Amino acid sequence: MTGGGGMLTYLSVLLADKVVDYVKSDMVLGLGRRPAGFIIDKLGPLLKSANSRISWASTSKRTQNKRA
């Protein structure tokens, strides 16, 4: 990867892959902006499930829009 943006995206995806391994039922997640979008994409089906016991709060409109 070249350039700061490419490396930041790469690291954000890598972070998301690791974070999802630690998310468990009954957790409350605070999700910000850049890495949060990748985390939500990875956890999407679980977070949107009616049986999900994982709560999350977003700190940006972009992240909040992914919730819908």
Protein backbone atom coordinates (compact mmCIF):
# COMPACT_ATOMS: atom_id res chain seq x y z
CA MET A 1 0.00 0.00 0.00
CA THR A 2 1.20 3.47 -0.77
CA GLY A 3 0.14 6.81 0.61
CA GLY A 4 -1.25 7.60 4.02
CA GLY A 5 -4.89 7.00 3.07
CA GLY A 6 -4.21 3.53 1.72
CA MET A 7 -2.25 2.54 4.79
CA LEU A 8 -4.94 3.96 7.09
CA THR A 9 -7.62 1.96 5.28
CA TYR A 10 -5.49 -1.18 5.47
CA LEU A 11 -4.93 -0.71 9.20
CA SER A 12 -8.63 0.04 9.78
CA VAL A 13 -9.66 -3.20 8.06
CA LEU A 14 -7.02 -5.13 10.01
CA LEU A 15 -8.30 -3.60 13.25
CA ALA A 16 -11.89 -4.48 12.37
CA ASP A 17 -10.90 -8.10 11.73
CA LYS A 18 -9.35 -8.32 15.20
CA VAL A 19 -12.09 -6.44 17.06
CA VAL A 20 -14.87 -8.75 15.92
CA ASP A 21 -13.06 -11.66 17.60
CA TYR A 22 -13.60 -9.97 20.98
CA VAL A 23 -17.23 -8.86 20.66
CA LYS A 24 -19.54 -10.89 22.87
CA SER A 25 -23.20 -10.83 23.80
CA ASP A 26 -24.23 -8.15 26.33
CA MET A 27 -21.46 -5.77 25.25
CA VAL A 28 -21.97 -2.09 24.60
CA LEU A 29 -19.74 -0.77 21.84
CA GLY A 30 -18.84 2.86 21.27
CA LEU A 31 -18.10 3.24 17.58
CA GLY A 32 -16.51 6.36 16.15
CA ARG A 33 -15.78 7.03 12.54
CA ARG A 34 -13.15 5.43 10.35
CA PRO A 35 -12.49 1.99 11.84
CA ALA A 36 -16.08 1.83 13.08
CA GLY A 37 -17.47 1.57 9.57
CA PHE A 38 -15.32 -1.48 8.89
CA ILE A 39 -16.28 -3.01 12.25
CA ILE A 40 -19.98 -2.49 11.55
CA ASP A 41 -19.55 -4.10 8.13
CA LYS A 42 -17.96 -7.15 9.76
CA LEU A 43 -20.55 -7.35 12.57
CA GLY A 44 -23.50 -6.20 10.43
CA PRO A 45 -25.68 -9.29 10.51
CA LEU A 46 -25.07 -9.81 14.23
CA LEU A 47 -25.73 -6.17 15.17
CA LYS A 48 -28.95 -6.05 13.14
CA SER A 49 -30.29 -9.37 14.42
CA ALA A 50 -33.45 -9.21 16.51
CA ASN A 51 -31.78 -11.59 18.97
CA SER A 52 -28.63 -9.52 19.27
CA ARG A 53 -27.71 -8.47 22.78
CA ILE A 54 -24.98 -6.15 21.55
CA SER A 55 -25.65 -2.44 21.83
CA TRP A 56 -23.72 0.30 20.18
CA ALA A 57 -23.57 4.05 20.14
CA SER A 58 -22.14 6.04 17.28
CA THR A 59 -20.18 9.25 17.53
CA SER A 60 -20.59 10.33 13.91
CA LYS A 61 -23.50 10.70 11.49
CA ARG A 62 -21.76 8.42 8.97
CA THR A 63 -21.52 5.64 11.53
CA GLN A 64 -25.06 6.26 12.74
CA ASN A 65 -26.37 5.92 9.17
CA LYS A 66 -24.82 2.44 8.93
CA ARG A 67 -27.11 1.41 11.77
CA ALA A 68 -30.23 1.61 9.60
